[in-house]
Structures are given as structure tokens and as C-alpha cells.
Amino acid sequence: MEETISYRVYWMIWVVLLVLTLIMIGIESLSLSTGMGILVLSTAMMIKATLITGWFMHLKYETRFIMLTLVLATLLTAAFLVFLLIPDGIAAHRMMEYPR
């Protein structure tokens, strides 16, 4: 049985998403180390993805199996895409170290 969610909840989540987006944009102007910047951005992205999938895509009402399947598929796809980009990253890094 689904519970009825008011529009107020959706607006509050939207405001949280907006604040997180502004924080992510503002990270560039702060003097954070690269590792700390990546940590803050990654954390904000995970929180945003959880809020969006849970509330706006209504996955919080689905069974655990469906949620785990979607999370696993997303992580595997992301890992595969990163794996495909690694050779380009290595080549770009070498080009920066040893320009022609």
C-alpha cells in the first residue's frame, strides 16, 4: 500500500538538490585539495542520485531486489565506462608530461 506524499516533500527535496548543485558549482572557487574536492563532489552526486531515484522515480516503493538490480547495473555500467576511458586518460597524462 502506497502512502500519499504531499507536494511539500517534493519541493523540499528539490531545494536540497538545488543546494547540493550550488555547492558542487562553488567547489571550484574554494581552495580544496584535489582529493578533497573529488570526495565532496562524489558524495554530493551520490546523495543527489539517491534522492532523485528514490523520490522522483518512486523507487523507494519498489522491492529490494529491483532496487539492488538497478544499483548493481548502474555501478557495473559506470565501471565499464571508466574502464573504457582509462587508456585515454593515460595517453593524455603522457602527452602532458612529454609534449612533442
PDB file of N, CA and C in Angstrom:
ATOM      1  N   MET A   1       0.839  -1.178   0.000  1.00  0.00           N
ATOM      2  CA  MET A   1       0.000   0.000   0.000  1.00  0.00           C
ATOM      3  C   MET A   1       0.883   1.239   0.000  1.00  0.00           C
ATOM      4  N   GLU A   2       0.672   2.110  -0.955  1.00  0.00           N
ATOM      5  CA  GLU A   2       1.473   3.323  -1.071  1.00  0.00           C
ATOM      6  C   GLU A   2       0.878   4.425  -0.213  1.00  0.00           C
ATOM      7  N   GLU A   3       1.764   5.187   0.369  1.00  0.00           N
ATOM      8  CA  GLU A   3       1.328   6.347   1.120  1.00  0.00           C
ATOM      9  C   GLU A   3       1.281   7.547   0.192  1.00  0.00           C
ATOM     10  N   THR A   4       0.449   8.496   0.514  1.00  0.00           N
ATOM     11  CA  THR A   4       0.339   9.706  -0.293  1.00  0.00           C
ATOM     12  C   THR A   4       1.392  10.702   0.166  1.00  0.00           C
ATOM     13  N   ILE A   5       2.144  11.207  -0.782  1.00  0.00           N
ATOM     14  CA  ILE A   5       3.200  12.176  -0.492  1.00  0.00           C
ATOM     15  C   ILE A   5       2.730  13.556  -0.951  1.00  0.00           C
ATOM     16  N   SER A   6       2.874  14.533  -0.082  1.00  0.00           N
ATOM     17  CA  SER A   6       2.441  15.886  -0.443  1.00  0.00           C
ATOM     18  C   SER A   6       3.473  16.559  -1.344  1.00  0.00           C
ATOM     19  N   TYR A   7       3.019  17.585  -2.013  1.00  0.00           N
ATOM     20  CA  TYR A   7       3.917  18.341  -2.877  1.00  0.00           C
ATOM     21  C   TYR A   7       5.004  19.039  -2.058  1.00  0.00           C
ATOM     22  N   ARG A   8       4.724  19.311  -0.807  1.00  0.00           N
ATOM     23  CA  ARG A   8       5.708  19.965   0.067  1.00  0.00           C
ATOM     24  C   ARG A   8       6.985  19.132   0.154  1.00  0.00           C
ATOM     25  N   VAL A   9       6.844  17.817   0.248  1.00  0.00           N
ATOM     26  CA  VAL A   9       8.008  16.929   0.322  1.00  0.00           C
ATOM     27  C   VAL A   9       8.819  17.027  -0.970  1.00  0.00           C
ATOM     28  N   TYR A  10       8.148  17.018  -2.099  1.00  0.00           N
ATOM     29  CA  TYR A  10       8.844  17.131  -3.375  1.00  0.00           C
ATOM     30  C   TYR A  10       9.572  18.469  -3.498  1.00  0.00           C
ATOM     31  N   TRP A  11       8.953  19.540  -3.045  1.00  0.00           N
ATOM     32  CA  TRP A  11       9.605  20.844  -3.090  1.00  0.00           C
ATOM     33  C   TRP A  11      10.810  20.894  -2.165  1.00  0.00           C
ATOM     34  N   MET A  12      10.704  20.277  -0.994  1.00  0.00           N
ATOM     35  CA  MET A  12      11.843  20.248  -0.062  1.00  0.00           C
ATOM     36  C   MET A  12      13.009  19.470  -0.673  1.00  0.00           C
ATOM     37  N   ILE A  13      12.707  18.358  -1.313  1.00  0.00           N
ATOM     38  CA  ILE A  13      13.759  17.569  -1.954  1.00  0.00           C
ATOM     39  C   ILE A  13      14.363  18.359  -3.107  1.00  0.00           C
ATOM     40  N   TRP A  14      13.530  19.059  -3.855  1.00  0.00           N
ATOM     41  CA  TRP A  14      14.037  19.876  -4.952  1.00  0.00           C
ATOM     42  C   TRP A  14      14.983  20.954  -4.428  1.00  0.00           C
ATOM     43  N   VAL A  15      14.655  21.578  -3.303  1.00  0.00           N
ATOM     44  CA  VAL A  15      15.519  22.601  -2.707  1.00  0.00           C
ATOM     45  C   VAL A  15      16.845  21.975  -2.269  1.00  0.00           C
ATOM     46  N   VAL A  16      16.798  20.785  -1.671  1.00  0.00           N
ATOM     47  CA  VAL A  16      18.030  20.099  -1.271  1.00  0.00           C
ATOM     48  C   VAL A  16      18.891  19.815  -2.507  1.00  0.00           C
ATOM     49  N   LEU A  17      18.267  19.358  -3.582  1.00  0.00           N
ATOM     50  CA  LEU A  17      19.003  19.109  -4.819  1.00  0.00           C
ATOM     51  C   LEU A  17      19.620  20.395  -5.372  1.00  0.00           C
ATOM     52  N   LEU A  18      18.899  21.492  -5.294  1.00  0.00           N
ATOM     53  CA  LEU A  18      19.414  22.781  -5.754  1.00  0.00           C
ATOM     54  C   LEU A  18      20.610  23.221  -4.917  1.00  0.00           C
ATOM     55  N   VAL A  19      20.503  23.082  -3.600  1.00  0.00           N
ATOM     56  CA  VAL A  19      21.602  23.465  -2.711  1.00  0.00           C
ATOM     57  C   VAL A  19      22.834  22.599  -2.997  1.00  0.00           C
ATOM     58  N   LEU A  20      22.638  21.305  -3.156  1.00  0.00           N
ATOM     59  CA  LEU A  20      23.763  20.428  -3.481  1.00  0.00           C
ATOM     60  C   LEU A  20      24.408  20.815  -4.809  1.00  0.00           C
ATOM     61  N   THR A  21      23.602  21.166  -5.789  1.00  0.00           N
ATOM     62  CA  THR A  21      24.133  21.595  -7.085  1.00  0.00           C
ATOM     63  C   THR A  21      24.947  22.879  -6.936  1.00  0.00           C
ATOM     64  N   LEU A  22      24.448  23.825  -6.164  1.00  0.00           N
ATOM     65  CA  LEU A  22      25.181  25.067  -5.944  1.00  0.00           C
ATOM     66  C   LEU A  22      26.486  24.819  -5.193  1.00  0.00           C
ATOM     67  N   ILE A  23      26.465  23.896  -4.240  1.00  0.00           N
ATOM     68  CA  ILE A  23      27.690  23.534  -3.539  1.00  0.00           C
ATOM     69  C   ILE A  23      28.693  22.933  -4.523  1.00  0.00           C
ATOM     70  N   MET A  24      28.218  22.066  -5.386  1.00  0.00           N
ATOM     71  CA  MET A  24      29.107  21.437  -6.363  1.00  0.00           C
ATOM     72  C   MET A  24      29.706  22.478  -7.305  1.00  0.00           C
ATOM     73  N   ILE A  25      28.924  23.464  -7.696  1.00  0.00           N
ATOM     74  CA  ILE A  25      29.434  24.532  -8.554  1.00  0.00           C
ATOM     75  C   ILE A  25      30.433  25.393  -7.786  1.00  0.00           C
ATOM     76  N   GLY A  26      30.150  25.669  -6.507  1.00  0.00           N
ATOM     77  CA  GLY A  26      31.015  26.515  -5.698  1.00  0.00           C
ATOM     78  C   GLY A  26      32.322  25.868  -5.286  1.00  0.00           C
ATOM     79  N   ILE A  27      32.423  24.557  -5.380  1.00  0.00           N
ATOM     80  CA  ILE A  27      33.646  23.844  -5.007  1.00  0.00           C
ATOM     81  C   ILE A  27      34.833  24.380  -5.805  1.00  0.00           C
ATOM     82  N   GLU A  28      34.587  24.777  -7.034  1.00  0.00           N
ATOM     83  CA  GLU A  28      35.669  25.252  -7.897  1.00  0.00           C
ATOM     84  C   GLU A  28      36.353  26.492  -7.319  1.00  0.00           C
ATOM     85  N   SER A  29      35.596  27.354  -6.669  1.00  0.00           N
ATOM     86  CA  SER A  29      36.178  28.589  -6.159  1.00  0.00           C
ATOM     87  C   SER A  29      36.886  28.409  -4.815  1.00  0.00           C
ATOM     88  N   LEU A  30      36.675  27.285  -4.148  1.00  0.00           N
ATOM     89  CA  LEU A  30      37.340  27.032  -2.875  1.00  0.00           C
ATOM     90  C   LEU A  30      38.746  26.497  -3.112  1.00  0.00           C
ATOM     91  N   SER A  31      39.581  26.660  -2.124  1.00  0.00           N
ATOM     92  CA  SER A  31      40.962  26.192  -2.238  1.00  0.00           C
ATOM     93  C   SER A  31      41.106  24.797  -1.629  1.00  0.00           C
ATOM     94  N   LEU A  32      40.311  23.874  -2.111  1.00  0.00           N
ATOM     95  CA  LEU A  32      40.382  22.499  -1.619  1.00  0.00           C
ATOM     96  C   LEU A  32      41.430  21.720  -2.397  1.00  0.00           C
ATOM     97  N   SER A  33      41.995  20.731  -1.736  1.00  0.00           N
ATOM     98  CA  SER A  33      42.911  19.845  -2.457  1.00  0.00           C
ATOM     99  C   SER A  33      42.100  19.040  -3.469  1.00  0.00           C
ATOM    100  N   THR A  34      42.790  18.488  -4.436  1.00  0.00           N
ATOM    101  CA  THR A  34      42.100  17.728  -5.480  1.00  0.00           C
ATOM    102  C   THR A  34      41.331  16.559  -4.888  1.00  0.00           C
ATOM    103  N   GLY A  35      41.964  15.842  -3.973  1.00  0.00           N
ATOM    104  CA  GLY A  35      41.309  14.691  -3.355  1.00  0.00           C
ATOM    105  C   GLY A  35      40.065  15.079  -2.572  1.00  0.00           C
ATOM    106  N   MET A  36      40.151  16.178  -1.812  1.00  0.00           N
ATOM    107  CA  MET A  36      39.003  16.633  -1.029  1.00  0.00           C
ATOM    108  C   MET A  36      37.886  17.110  -1.946  1.00  0.00           C
ATOM    109  N   GLY A  37      38.243  17.801  -3.026  1.00  0.00           N
ATOM    110  CA  GLY A  37      37.230  18.241  -3.987  1.00  0.00           C
ATOM    111  C   GLY A  37      36.503  17.069  -4.617  1.00  0.00           C
ATOM    112  N   ILE A  38      37.267  16.051  -4.995  1.00  0.00           N
ATOM    113  CA  ILE A  38      36.655  14.860  -5.589  1.00  0.00           C
ATOM    114  C   ILE A  38      35.759  14.161  -4.580  1.00  0.00           C
ATOM    115  N   LEU A  39      36.190  14.095  -3.323  1.00  0.00           N
ATOM    116  CA  LEU A  39      35.386  13.462  -2.278  1.00  0.00           C
ATOM    117  C   LEU A  39      34.068  14.197  -2.070  1.00  0.00           C
ATOM    118  N   VAL A  40      34.125  15.531  -1.989  1.00  0.00           N
ATOM    119  CA  VAL A  40      32.906  16.327  -1.789  1.00  0.00           C
ATOM    120  C   VAL A  40      31.975  16.183  -2.993  1.00  0.00           C
ATOM    121  N   LEU A  41      32.530  16.282  -4.206  1.00  0.00           N
ATOM    122  CA  LEU A  41      31.699  16.156  -5.408  1.00  0.00           C
ATOM    123  C   LEU A  41      31.078  14.762  -5.525  1.00  0.00           C
ATOM    124  N   SER A  42      31.844  13.728  -5.246  1.00  0.00           N
ATOM    125  CA  SER A  42      31.326  12.364  -5.329  1.00  0.00           C
ATOM    126  C   SER A  42      30.223  12.127  -4.303  1.00  0.00           C
ATOM    127  N   THR A  43      30.425  12.627  -3.086  1.00  0.00           N
ATOM    128  CA  THR A  43      29.407  12.476  -2.048  1.00  0.00           C
ATOM    129  C   THR A  43      28.129  13.204  -2.445  1.00  0.00           C
ATOM    130  N   ALA A  44      28.262  14.421  -2.930  1.00  0.00           N
ATOM    131  CA  ALA A  44      27.088  15.189  -3.346  1.00  0.00           C
ATOM    132  C   ALA A  44      26.364  14.492  -4.496  1.00  0.00           C
ATOM    133  N   MET A  45      27.120  13.934  -5.441  1.00  0.00           N
ATOM    134  CA  MET A  45      26.486  13.238  -6.565  1.00  0.00           C
ATOM    135  C   MET A  45      25.732  11.998  -6.097  1.00  0.00           C
ATOM    136  N   MET A  46      26.307  11.261  -5.148  1.00  0.00           N
ATOM    137  CA  MET A  46      25.619  10.069  -4.645  1.00  0.00           C
ATOM    138  C   MET A  46      24.341  10.436  -3.892  1.00  0.00           C
ATOM    139  N   ILE A  47      24.393  11.512  -3.101  1.00  0.00           N
ATOM    140  CA  ILE A  47      23.195  11.959  -2.392  1.00  0.00           C
ATOM    141  C   ILE A  47      22.124  12.394  -3.385  1.00  0.00           C
ATOM    142  N   LYS A  48      22.530  13.150  -4.401  1.00  0.00           N
ATOM    143  CA  LYS A  48      21.568  13.593  -5.409  1.00  0.00           C
ATOM    144  C   LYS A  48      20.957  12.410  -6.157  1.00  0.00           C
ATOM    145  N   ALA A  49      21.786  11.447  -6.544  1.00  0.00           N
ATOM    146  CA  ALA A  49      21.272  10.278  -7.270  1.00  0.00           C
ATOM    147  C   ALA A  49      20.295   9.489  -6.403  1.00  0.00           C
ATOM    148  N   THR A  50      20.593   9.361  -5.117  1.00  0.00           N
ATOM    149  CA  THR A  50      19.697   8.642  -4.214  1.00  0.00           C
ATOM    150  C   THR A  50      18.365   9.356  -4.071  1.00  0.00           C
ATOM    151  N   LEU A  51      18.401  10.676  -3.899  1.00  0.00           N
ATOM    152  CA  LEU A  51      17.160  11.436  -3.775  1.00  0.00           C
ATOM    153  C   LEU A  51      16.324  11.364  -5.047  1.00  0.00           C
ATOM    154  N   ILE A  52      16.976  11.512  -6.183  1.00  0.00           N
ATOM    155  CA  ILE A  52      16.244  11.508  -7.452  1.00  0.00           C
ATOM    156  C   ILE A  52      15.613  10.141  -7.712  1.00  0.00           C
ATOM    157  N   THR A  53      16.396   9.080  -7.540  1.00  0.00           N
ATOM    158  CA  THR A  53      15.839   7.749  -7.819  1.00  0.00           C
ATOM    159  C   THR A  53      14.805   7.340  -6.786  1.00  0.00           C
ATOM    160  N   GLY A  54      15.018   7.713  -5.549  1.00  0.00           N
ATOM    161  CA  GLY A  54      14.082   7.311  -4.512  1.00  0.00           C
ATOM    162  C   GLY A  54      12.757   8.037  -4.566  1.00  0.00           C
ATOM    163  N   TRP A  55      12.800   9.343  -4.757  1.00  0.00           N
ATOM    164  CA  TRP A  55      11.576  10.139  -4.682  1.00  0.00           C
ATOM    165  C   TRP A  55      10.966  10.442  -6.037  1.00  0.00           C
ATOM    166  N   PHE A  56      11.757  10.945  -6.973  1.00  0.00           N
ATOM    167  CA  PHE A  56      11.177  11.360  -8.239  1.00  0.00           C
ATOM    168  C   PHE A  56      10.946  10.193  -9.190  1.00  0.00           C
ATOM    169  N   MET A  57      11.717   9.124  -9.040  1.00  0.00           N
ATOM    170  CA  MET A  57      11.489   7.932  -9.857  1.00  0.00           C
ATOM    171  C   MET A  57      10.689   6.886  -9.079  1.00  0.00           C
ATOM    172  N   HIS A  58      10.320   7.214  -7.850  1.00  0.00           N
ATOM    173  CA  HIS A  58       9.456   6.386  -6.997  1.00  0.00           C
ATOM    174  C   HIS A  58      10.030   4.996  -6.724  1.00  0.00           C
ATOM    175  N   LEU A  59      11.343   4.869  -6.704  1.00  0.00           N
ATOM    176  CA  LEU A  59      11.937   3.562  -6.441  1.00  0.00           C
ATOM    177  C   LEU A  59      11.896   3.188  -4.969  1.00  0.00           C
ATOM    178  N   LYS A  60      11.581   4.123  -4.097  1.00  0.00           N
ATOM    179  CA  LYS A  60      11.506   3.784  -2.687  1.00  0.00           C
ATOM    180  C   LYS A  60      10.330   2.857  -2.402  1.00  0.00           C
ATOM    181  N   TYR A  61       9.415   2.728  -3.338  1.00  0.00           N
ATOM    182  CA  TYR A  61       8.272   1.833  -3.167  1.00  0.00           C
ATOM    183  C   TYR A  61       8.508   0.458  -3.785  1.00  0.00           C
ATOM    184  N   GLU A  62       9.631   0.276  -4.458  1.00  0.00           N
ATOM    185  CA  GLU A  62       9.911  -0.997  -5.130  1.00  0.00           C
ATOM    186  C   GLU A  62      10.519  -2.004  -4.154  1.00  0.00           C
ATOM    187  N   THR A  63      10.581  -3.241  -4.601  1.00  0.00           N
ATOM    188  CA  THR A  63      11.163  -4.282  -3.765  1.00  0.00           C
ATOM    189  C   THR A  63      12.677  -4.124  -3.723  1.00  0.00           C
ATOM    190  N   ARG A  64      13.286  -4.733  -2.723  1.00  0.00           N
ATOM    191  CA  ARG A  64      14.742  -4.652  -2.594  1.00  0.00           C
ATOM    192  C   ARG A  64      15.447  -5.263  -3.802  1.00  0.00           C
ATOM    193  N   PHE A  65      14.896  -6.326  -4.346  1.00  0.00           N
ATOM    194  CA  PHE A  65      15.524  -6.980  -5.491  1.00  0.00           C
ATOM    195  C   PHE A  65      15.627  -6.026  -6.676  1.00  0.00           C
ATOM    196  N   ILE A  66      14.560  -5.307  -6.961  1.00  0.00           N
ATOM    197  CA  ILE A  66      14.572  -4.377  -8.093  1.00  0.00           C
ATOM    198  C   ILE A  66      15.556  -3.241  -7.825  1.00  0.00           C
ATOM    199  N   MET A  67      15.562  -2.716  -6.590  1.00  0.00           N
ATOM    200  CA  MET A  67      16.490  -1.632  -6.269  1.00  0.00           C
ATOM    201  C   MET A  67      17.935  -2.105  -6.379  1.00  0.00           C
ATOM    202  N   LEU A  68      18.239  -3.268  -5.845  1.00  0.00           N
ATOM    203  CA  LEU A  68      19.605  -3.788  -5.916  1.00  0.00           C
ATOM    204  C   LEU A  68      20.017  -4.074  -7.358  1.00  0.00           C
ATOM    205  N   THR A  69      19.085  -4.566  -8.153  1.00  0.00           N
ATOM    206  CA  THR A  69      19.371  -4.818  -9.560  1.00  0.00           C
ATOM    207  C   THR A  69      19.723  -3.519 -10.282  1.00  0.00           C
ATOM    208  N   LEU A  70      18.951  -2.479 -10.044  1.00  0.00           N
ATOM    209  CA  LEU A  70      19.219  -1.186 -10.686  1.00  0.00           C
ATOM    210  C   LEU A  70      20.532  -0.584 -10.206  1.00  0.00           C
ATOM    211  N   VAL A  71      20.799  -0.663  -8.914  1.00  0.00           N
ATOM    212  CA  VAL A  71      22.052  -0.117  -8.382  1.00  0.00           C
ATOM    213  C   VAL A  71      23.237  -0.884  -8.943  1.00  0.00           C
ATOM    214  N   LEU A  72      23.150  -2.203  -8.952  1.00  0.00           N
ATOM    215  CA  LEU A  72      24.249  -3.020  -9.473  1.00  0.00           C
ATOM    216  C   LEU A  72      24.474  -2.755 -10.966  1.00  0.00           C
ATOM    217  N   ALA A  73      23.395  -2.667 -11.724  1.00  0.00           N
ATOM    218  CA  ALA A  73      23.534  -2.396 -13.157  1.00  0.00           C
ATOM    219  C   ALA A  73      24.163  -1.021 -13.393  1.00  0.00           C
ATOM    220  N   THR A  74      23.769  -0.038 -12.605  1.00  0.00           N
ATOM    221  CA  THR A  74      24.339   1.300 -12.748  1.00  0.00           C
ATOM    222  C   THR A  74      25.828   1.305 -12.407  1.00  0.00           C
ATOM    223  N   LEU A  75      26.191   0.655 -11.314  1.00  0.00           N
ATOM    224  CA  LEU A  75      27.605   0.611 -10.920  1.00  0.00           C
ATOM    225  C   LEU A  75      28.449  -0.148 -11.935  1.00  0.00           C
ATOM    226  N   LEU A  76      27.929  -1.252 -12.456  1.00  0.00           N
ATOM    227  CA  LEU A  76      28.675  -2.009 -13.465  1.00  0.00           C
ATOM    228  C   LEU A  76      28.839  -1.201 -14.753  1.00  0.00           C
ATOM    229  N   THR A  77      27.803  -0.492 -15.149  1.00  0.00           N
ATOM    230  CA  THR A  77      27.897   0.343 -16.339  1.00  0.00           C
ATOM    231  C   THR A  77      28.916   1.463 -16.137  1.00  0.00           C
ATOM    232  N   ALA A  78      28.879   2.100 -14.962  1.00  0.00           N
ATOM    233  CA  ALA A  78      29.838   3.170 -14.673  1.00  0.00           C
ATOM    234  C   ALA A  78      31.264   2.630 -14.660  1.00  0.00           C
ATOM    235  N   ALA A  79      31.458   1.465 -14.046  1.00  0.00           N
ATOM    236  CA  ALA A  79      32.794   0.868 -14.002  1.00  0.00           C
ATOM    237  C   ALA A  79      33.276   0.527 -15.408  1.00  0.00           C
ATOM    238  N   PHE A  80      32.395   0.016 -16.238  1.00  0.00           N
ATOM    239  CA  PHE A  80      32.755  -0.319 -17.613  1.00  0.00           C
ATOM    240  C   PHE A  80      33.154   0.929 -18.395  1.00  0.00           C
ATOM    241  N   LEU A  81      32.393   2.016 -18.216  1.00  0.00           N
ATOM    242  CA  LEU A  81      32.713   3.258 -18.918  1.00  0.00           C
ATOM    243  C   LEU A  81      34.035   3.843 -18.442  1.00  0.00           C
ATOM    244  N   VAL A  82      34.292   3.776 -17.143  1.00  0.00           N
ATOM    245  CA  VAL A  82      35.574   4.246 -16.622  1.00  0.00           C
ATOM    246  C   VAL A  82      36.700   3.389 -17.192  1.00  0.00           C
ATOM    247  N   PHE A  83      36.492   2.079 -17.231  1.00  0.00           N
ATOM    248  CA  PHE A  83      37.486   1.169 -17.789  1.00  0.00           C
ATOM    249  C   PHE A  83      37.800   1.521 -19.241  1.00  0.00           C
ATOM    250  N   LEU A  84      36.777   1.918 -20.000  1.00  0.00           N
ATOM    251  CA  LEU A  84      36.994   2.308 -21.389  1.00  0.00           C
ATOM    252  C   LEU A  84      37.762   3.619 -21.502  1.00  0.00           C
ATOM    253  N   LEU A  85      37.630   4.504 -20.507  1.00  0.00           N
ATOM    254  CA  LEU A  85      38.288   5.803 -20.564  1.00  0.00           C
ATOM    255  C   LEU A  85      39.718   5.781 -20.031  1.00  0.00           C
ATOM    256  N   ILE A  86      40.107   4.742 -19.318  1.00  0.00           N
ATOM    257  CA  ILE A  86      41.449   4.692 -18.728  1.00  0.00           C
ATOM    258  C   ILE A  86      42.553   4.843 -19.768  1.00  0.00           C
ATOM    259  N   PRO A  87      42.515   4.145 -20.909  1.00  0.00           N
ATOM    260  CA  PRO A  87      43.591   4.337 -21.896  1.00  0.00           C
ATOM    261  C   PRO A  87      43.705   5.780 -22.386  1.00  0.00           C
ATOM    262  N   ASP A  88      42.592   6.459 -22.576  1.00  0.00           N
ATOM    263  CA  ASP A  88      42.638   7.863 -22.994  1.00  0.00           C
ATOM    264  C   ASP A  88      43.249   8.739 -21.909  1.00  0.00           C
ATOM    265  N   GLY A  89      42.910   8.459 -20.663  1.00  0.00           N
ATOM    266  CA  GLY A  89      43.480   9.222 -19.555  1.00  0.00           C
ATOM    267  C   GLY A  89      44.974   9.032 -19.451  1.00  0.00           C
ATOM    268  N   ILE A  90      45.432   7.799 -19.632  1.00  0.00           N
ATOM    269  CA  ILE A  90      46.869   7.519 -19.592  1.00  0.00           C
ATOM    270  C   ILE A  90      47.572   8.239 -20.742  1.00  0.00           C
ATOM    271  N   ALA A  91      46.991   8.187 -21.926  1.00  0.00           N
ATOM    272  CA  ALA A  91      47.591   8.859 -23.087  1.00  0.00           C
ATOM    273  C   ALA A  91      47.633  10.370 -22.872  1.00  0.00           C
ATOM    274  N   ALA A  92      46.578  10.940 -22.340  1.00  0.00           N
ATOM    275  CA  ALA A  92      46.558  12.387 -22.093  1.00  0.00           C
ATOM    276  C   ALA A  92      47.590  12.763 -21.043  1.00  0.00           C
ATOM    277  N   HIS A  93      47.734  11.938 -20.012  1.00  0.00           N
ATOM    278  CA  HIS A  93      48.731  12.210 -18.972  1.00  0.00           C
ATOM    279  C   HIS A  93      50.143  12.167 -19.546  1.00  0.00           C
ATOM    280  N   ARG A  94      50.402  11.206 -20.399  1.00  0.00           N
ATOM    281  CA  ARG A  94      51.726  11.112 -21.031  1.00  0.00           C
ATOM    282  C   ARG A  94      51.993  12.310 -21.931  1.00  0.00           C
ATOM    283  N   MET A  95      50.957  12.758 -22.632  1.00  0.00           N
ATOM    284  CA  MET A  95      51.129  13.925 -23.511  1.00  0.00           C
ATOM    285  C   MET A  95      51.448  15.180 -22.700  1.00  0.00           C
ATOM    286  N   MET A  96      50.880  15.291 -21.509  1.00  0.00           N
ATOM    287  CA  MET A  96      51.162  16.448 -20.670  1.00  0.00           C
ATOM    288  C   MET A  96      52.588  16.377 -20.102  1.00  0.00           C
ATOM    289  N   GLU A  97      53.056  15.168 -19.790  1.00  0.00           N
ATOM    290  CA  GLU A  97      54.398  15.019 -19.237  1.00  0.00           C
ATOM    291  C   GLU A  97      55.482  15.193 -20.302  1.00  0.00           C
ATOM    292  N   TYR A  98      55.221  14.653 -21.471  1.00  0.00           N
ATOM    293  CA  TYR A  98      56.227  14.670 -22.549  1.00  0.00           C
ATOM    294  C   TYR A  98      55.631  15.274 -23.807  1.00  0.00           C
ATOM    295  N   PRO A  99      55.465  16.603 -23.830  1.00  0.00           N
ATOM    296  CA  PRO A  99      54.896  17.208 -25.049  1.00  0.00           C
ATOM    297  C   PRO A  99      55.864  17.061 -26.218  1.00  0.00           C
ATOM    298  N   ARG A 100      55.296  17.024 -27.399  1.00  0.00           N
ATOM    299  CA  ARG A 100      56.114  16.841 -28.612  1.00  0.00           C
ATOM    300  C   ARG A 100      56.806  18.094 -29.006  1.00  0.00           C
TER     301      ARG A 100
END
